């Protein structure tokens, strides 16, 4: 009986989404309340030491409050169907930000040309995450799932590459799907907080932080851009230009880096490190 009710609810949700997804006024009012709260609180600066200061951007605690709204039982007007509507709306409104970054890139085109090969070579920096993430995954007990989990940040193009190469039901595909879900849920929060720390601690040029924010994900790009702009407000237009162009490169060129460099490198490192630091499973693959 519960299964029948669940199926009926799923079909009802889909019909509602197809019929009037933009007429969910309870969702829109909740988002407006969160935006107003974030506007009045503003960035929160946390001093770790005399020289190190972290800026917590409104995006971070707004997403936390949104999660509370979703999980709180008294809030009955924010449920699964509203999360689906919000997901589609987020991609739509991020498009406006991407258009703004594109305009900034056009205004600062001379700077992009002056950077020359640096913009292309910085794409290779994404490979460094393999050297950190793969050993950690092996120490945690993952096996071939590690190859899918650690070769990239696991956005749509990389998911397609792994599924096409290894098959939908392979351990590698399970790994990258897990990464895709985790990245979607907490990726923006994580990169926003990480950028705040890096901007405060690392003595790098503002353009370097801007280029580093272009990881191939529009939402993560926006989340990382906020703390960078807060730290260097005088360079807003140029930072937006480098961030937007870097994200475009990561999305378009990144897929070829994954195909020709990242995946082969991940496989070789897995073969090298798994016998040495990989944890032995409690039961073998046959379940004996």
Protein backbone atom coordinates (compact mmCIF):
# COMPACT_ATOMS: atom_id res chain seq x y z
CA UNK A 1 0.00 0.00 0.00
CA UNK A 2 2.84 2.35 0.86
CA UNK A 3 4.49 1.62 -2.49
CA UNK A 4 1.27 2.48 -4.33
CA UNK A 5 0.95 5.74 -2.40
CA UNK A 6 4.60 6.58 -3.16
CA UNK A 7 4.13 5.96 -6.90
CA UNK A 8 0.93 8.03 -6.91
CA UNK A 9 2.71 10.87 -5.11
CA UNK A 10 5.59 10.75 -7.60
CA UNK A 11 3.20 10.95 -10.56
CA UNK A 12 1.29 13.80 -8.92
CA UNK A 13 4.51 15.72 -8.31
CA UNK A 14 5.53 15.30 -11.94
CA UNK A 15 2.15 16.53 -13.17
CA UNK A 16 2.39 19.58 -10.91
CA UNK A 17 5.92 20.32 -12.10
CA UNK A 18 4.87 20.10 -15.73
CA UNK A 19 1.71 22.11 -15.20
CA UNK A 20 2.68 25.10 -13.06
CA UNK A 21 6.20 24.94 -11.60
CA UNK A 22 6.42 28.76 -11.41
CA UNK A 23 3.19 29.12 -9.42
CA UNK A 24 4.63 27.61 -6.25
CA UNK A 25 4.34 30.85 -4.30
CA UNK A 26 5.30 29.26 -0.99
CA UNK A 27 8.71 28.37 -2.45
CA UNK A 28 9.22 31.82 -3.94
CA UNK A 29 8.27 33.53 -0.67
CA UNK A 30 10.68 31.29 1.27
CA UNK A 31 13.52 32.14 -1.12
CA UNK A 32 12.70 35.84 -0.76
CA UNK A 33 12.81 35.56 3.04
CA UNK A 34 16.20 33.82 2.87
CA UNK A 35 17.53 36.48 0.49
CA UNK A 36 16.37 39.30 2.78
CA UNK A 37 17.94 37.61 5.81
CA UNK A 38 21.21 37.19 3.89
CA UNK A 39 21.13 40.85 2.77
CA UNK A 40 20.71 42.16 6.31
CA UNK A 41 23.35 39.86 7.82
CA UNK A 42 25.88 40.45 5.03
CA UNK A 43 29.36 38.90 4.96
CA UNK A 44 30.61 37.64 8.31
CA UNK A 45 34.32 38.16 8.95
CA UNK A 46 36.01 35.71 11.29
CA UNK A 47 39.50 36.54 12.55
CA UNK A 48 41.67 33.47 13.00
CA UNK A 49 44.87 35.41 13.70
CA UNK A 50 46.00 39.02 13.39
CA UNK A 51 46.82 38.50 9.70
CA UNK A 52 44.34 35.78 8.72
CA UNK A 53 40.69 36.65 8.31
CA UNK A 54 37.95 34.51 6.72
CA UNK A 55 34.92 36.08 5.10
CA UNK A 56 31.81 33.88 5.29
CA UNK A 57 29.65 34.94 2.38
CA UNK A 58 25.81 35.11 2.52
CA UNK A 59 25.62 32.21 0.06
CA UNK A 60 26.97 29.85 2.72
CA UNK A 61 24.48 30.46 5.51
CA UNK A 62 21.63 31.02 3.06
CA UNK A 63 22.11 27.47 1.75
CA UNK A 64 22.29 26.17 5.32
CA UNK A 65 19.01 27.93 6.15
CA UNK A 66 17.47 26.55 2.96
CA UNK A 67 18.49 23.05 4.04
CA UNK A 68 16.89 23.67 7.45
CA UNK A 69 13.68 24.73 5.71
CA UNK A 70 13.75 21.54 3.66
CA UNK A 71 14.41 19.22 6.61
CA UNK A 72 12.27 20.94 9.26
CA UNK A 73 9.06 18.98 9.79
CA UNK A 74 6.89 22.03 10.66
CA UNK A 75 7.73 23.50 7.21
CA UNK A 76 5.31 21.57 5.03
CA UNK A 77 5.43 23.84 1.97
CA UNK A 78 9.08 22.97 1.11
CA UNK A 79 9.26 19.34 0.03
CA UNK A 80 10.76 17.20 -2.69
CA UNK A 81 8.80 18.74 -5.57
CA UNK A 82 9.88 22.24 -4.48
CA UNK A 83 13.52 21.14 -4.48
CA UNK A 84 13.10 20.04 -8.11
CA UNK A 85 11.61 23.39 -9.08
CA UNK A 86 14.42 25.21 -7.23
CA UNK A 87 17.06 23.15 -9.02
CA UNK A 88 15.74 24.19 -12.42
CA UNK A 89 15.34 27.80 -11.35
CA UNK A 90 18.91 27.93 -10.01
CA UNK A 91 20.32 26.89 -13.40
CA UNK A 92 18.13 29.52 -15.09
CA UNK A 93 19.23 32.39 -12.86
CA UNK A 94 22.89 31.36 -12.87
CA UNK A 95 22.66 31.91 -16.62
CA UNK A 96 22.23 35.63 -15.89
CA UNK A 97 25.47 35.59 -13.89
CA UNK A 98 27.26 33.75 -16.70
CA UNK A 99 26.07 36.42 -19.15
CA UNK A 100 27.46 39.12 -16.83
CA UNK A 101 30.81 37.30 -16.64
CA UNK A 102 30.84 37.01 -20.43
CA UNK A 103 30.36 40.78 -20.75
CA UNK A 104 33.20 41.35 -18.27
CA UNK A 105 35.41 38.98 -20.26
CA UNK A 106 34.72 41.00 -23.40
CA UNK A 107 35.58 44.27 -21.65
CA UNK A 108 38.89 42.82 -20.41
CA UNK A 109 39.82 40.89 -23.54
CA UNK A 110 43.20 42.66 -23.76
CA UNK A 111 44.13 41.31 -20.30
CA UNK A 112 43.15 37.79 -21.32
CA UNK A 113 45.46 38.02 -24.35
CA UNK A 114 48.25 39.41 -22.19
CA UNK A 115 48.03 36.38 -19.90
CA UNK A 116 48.68 34.18 -22.95
CA UNK A 117 49.50 30.53 -22.18
CA UNK A 118 48.87 30.96 -18.44
CA UNK A 119 45.12 30.65 -18.93
CA UNK A 120 45.55 27.34 -20.75
CA UNK A 121 48.28 25.95 -18.50
CA UNK A 122 46.27 26.64 -15.35
CA UNK A 123 43.86 23.94 -16.54
CA UNK A 124 46.58 21.40 -15.74
CA UNK A 125 46.30 22.48 -12.11
CA UNK A 126 43.14 20.38 -11.82
CA UNK A 127 45.35 17.30 -12.16
CA UNK A 128 46.96 18.05 -8.80
CA UNK A 129 43.75 17.07 -7.02
CA UNK A 130 44.26 13.48 -8.25
CA UNK A 131 47.52 13.28 -6.29
CA UNK A 132 45.68 14.21 -3.09
CA UNK A 133 42.24 12.66 -3.52
CA UNK A 134 43.25 9.25 -4.83
CA UNK A 135 45.48 8.22 -1.88
CA UNK A 136 42.82 9.45 0.57
CA UNK A 137 40.10 7.42 -1.18
CA UNK A 138 42.29 4.30 -1.10
CA UNK A 139 43.01 4.78 2.60
CA UNK A 140 39.25 5.01 3.20
CA UNK A 141 38.77 1.60 1.58
CA UNK A 142 37.45 2.43 -1.90
CA UNK A 143 38.56 0.26 -4.79
CA UNK A 144 37.99 0.95 -8.51
CA UNK A 145 35.33 3.49 -7.54
CA UNK A 146 38.37 5.65 -6.79
CA UNK A 147 39.11 6.06 -10.51
CA UNK A 148 35.71 7.61 -11.12
CA UNK A 149 35.74 9.67 -7.95
CA UNK A 150 39.14 11.33 -8.23
CA UNK A 151 39.85 12.04 -11.91
CA UNK A 152 37.90 15.35 -11.91
CA UNK A 153 35.26 17.33 -10.01
CA UNK A 154 32.63 15.09 -11.60
CA UNK A 155 30.39 17.45 -13.53
CA UNK A 156 28.22 16.43 -16.51
CA UNK A 157 30.96 16.17 -19.20
CA UNK A 158 33.22 14.07 -16.98
CA UNK A 159 30.30 11.82 -15.97
CA UNK A 160 29.59 11.19 -19.66
CA UNK A 161 33.23 10.29 -20.35
CA UNK A 162 33.47 7.80 -17.47
CA UNK A 163 30.11 6.14 -18.23
CA UNK A 164 31.01 5.85 -21.92
CA UNK A 165 34.40 4.29 -21.19
CA UNK A 166 33.61 1.93 -18.32
CA UNK A 167 29.87 1.26 -18.65
CA UNK A 168 26.89 2.43 -16.62
CA UNK A 169 27.05 -0.34 -13.99
CA UNK A 170 30.82 -0.26 -13.48
CA UNK A 171 32.51 0.63 -10.17
CA UNK A 172 34.10 3.64 -11.89
CA UNK A 173 30.68 4.96 -12.88
CA UNK A 174 29.34 4.43 -9.35
CA UNK A 175 32.27 6.45 -8.09
CA UNK A 176 31.70 9.45 -10.35
CA UNK A 177 27.93 9.39 -9.75
CA UNK A 178 28.62 9.53 -6.01
CA UNK A 179 30.95 12.46 -6.59
CA UNK A 180 28.37 14.19 -8.79
CA UNK A 181 25.72 13.93 -6.07
CA UNK A 182 28.03 15.10 -3.30
CA UNK A 183 29.30 17.97 -5.46
CA UNK A 184 25.78 19.07 -6.25
CA UNK A 185 24.76 19.01 -2.59
CA UNK A 186 27.75 20.59 -0.84
CA UNK A 187 30.13 21.65 -3.62
CA UNK A 188 29.10 25.31 -3.60
CA UNK A 189 29.29 25.55 0.19
CA UNK A 190 32.68 23.85 0.30
CA UNK A 191 34.31 25.91 -2.44
CA UNK A 192 32.98 29.16 -0.99
CA UNK A 193 34.51 28.39 2.41
CA UNK A 194 37.75 27.08 0.84
CA UNK A 195 38.15 30.23 -1.26
CA UNK A 196 37.68 32.43 1.82
CA UNK A 197 40.51 30.59 3.57
CA UNK A 198 42.83 30.61 0.54
CA UNK A 199 42.30 34.33 -0.15
CA UNK A 200 43.21 35.08 3.47
CA UNK A 201 46.24 32.81 3.73
CA UNK A 202 47.90 32.37 0.32
CA UNK A 203 49.99 35.30 -1.01
CA UNK A 204 48.82 34.94 -4.63
CA UNK A 205 47.73 37.46 -7.23
CA UNK A 206 43.97 38.17 -7.33
CA UNK A 207 43.84 36.93 -10.93
CA UNK A 208 45.16 33.56 -9.77
CA UNK A 209 42.22 33.17 -7.38
CA UNK A 210 39.86 34.26 -10.16
CA UNK A 211 41.24 31.63 -12.55
CA UNK A 212 41.14 28.98 -9.84
CA UNK A 213 37.40 29.57 -9.41
CA UNK A 214 36.76 28.31 -12.96
CA UNK A 215 36.37 24.61 -12.21
CA UNK A 216 33.79 23.86 -14.89
CA UNK A 217 30.69 24.32 -12.75
CA UNK A 218 28.59 27.48 -12.97
CA UNK A 219 27.31 27.24 -9.38
CA UNK A 220 30.76 26.53 -7.92
CA UNK A 221 32.24 29.31 -10.04
CA UNK A 222 29.72 31.77 -8.62
CA UNK A 223 30.26 30.55 -5.06
CA UNK A 224 34.03 30.91 -5.35
CA UNK A 225 33.81 34.30 -7.04
CA UNK A 226 32.00 35.92 -4.09
CA UNK A 227 34.84 35.75 -1.51
CA UNK A 228 37.38 36.78 -4.16
CA UNK A 229 35.40 39.91 -5.08
CA UNK A 230 34.92 40.71 -1.40
CA UNK A 231 38.70 40.55 -0.84
CA UNK A 232 39.63 42.58 -3.95
CA UNK A 233 36.70 44.91 -4.72
CA UNK A 234 38.83 47.35 -6.74
CA UNK A 235 39.50 44.65 -9.39
CA UNK A 236 35.89 43.49 -9.76
CA UNK A 237 35.63 43.69 -13.56
CA UNK A 238 38.97 42.00 -14.22
CA UNK A 239 38.35 39.26 -11.64
CA UNK A 240 34.96 38.51 -13.19
CA UNK A 241 36.61 38.35 -16.62
CA UNK A 242 39.26 35.85 -15.57
CA UNK A 243 36.78 33.77 -13.58
CA UNK A 244 34.30 33.59 -16.44
CA UNK A 245 36.86 32.78 -19.11
CA UNK A 246 38.58 30.20 -16.90
CA UNK A 247 35.26 28.47 -16.22
CA UNK A 248 34.54 28.37 -19.94
CA UNK A 249 37.93 26.80 -20.61
CA UNK A 250 37.42 24.24 -17.85
CA UNK A 251 34.07 23.25 -19.28
CA UNK A 252 35.20 23.03 -22.91
CA UNK A 253 38.88 22.04 -22.69
CA UNK A 254 38.54 20.15 -19.41
CA UNK A 255 36.79 17.21 -21.05
CA UNK A 256 39.81 16.60 -23.30
CA UNK A 257 42.17 16.85 -20.33
CA UNK A 258 40.07 14.18 -18.60
CA UNK A 259 40.08 11.91 -21.67
CA UNK A 260 43.76 12.15 -22.58
CA UNK A 261 45.51 12.98 -19.29
CA UNK A 262 43.42 12.74 -16.12
CA UNK A 263 41.85 9.29 -16.58
CA UNK A 264 45.08 7.57 -17.75
CA UNK A 265 46.96 9.23 -14.89
CA UNK A 266 44.33 8.13 -12.37
CA UNK A 267 44.44 4.53 -13.63
CA UNK A 268 48.25 4.40 -13.44
CA UNK A 269 48.30 5.84 -9.93
CA UNK A 270 45.59 3.40 -8.87
CA UNK A 271 47.62 0.44 -10.15
CA UNK A 272 50.69 1.79 -8.36
CA UNK A 273 49.16 2.75 -5.01
CA UNK A 274 46.29 0.30 -4.48
CA UNK A 275 48.51 -2.73 -3.65
CA UNK A 276 50.53 -0.59 -1.25
CA UNK A 277 48.02 1.52 0.67
CA UNK A 278 44.63 0.09 -0.33
CA UNK A 279 42.60 -1.52 2.45
CA UNK A 280 41.70 -5.17 2.01
CA UNK A 281 37.94 -5.83 1.84
CA UNK A 282 36.33 -7.84 4.63
CA UNK A 283 34.78 -10.20 2.09
CA UNK A 284 35.94 -10.94 -1.42
CA UNK A 285 34.01 -10.10 -4.57
CA UNK A 286 32.30 -13.46 -4.54
CA UNK A 287 30.88 -12.72 -1.10
CA UNK A 288 32.64 -15.64 0.54
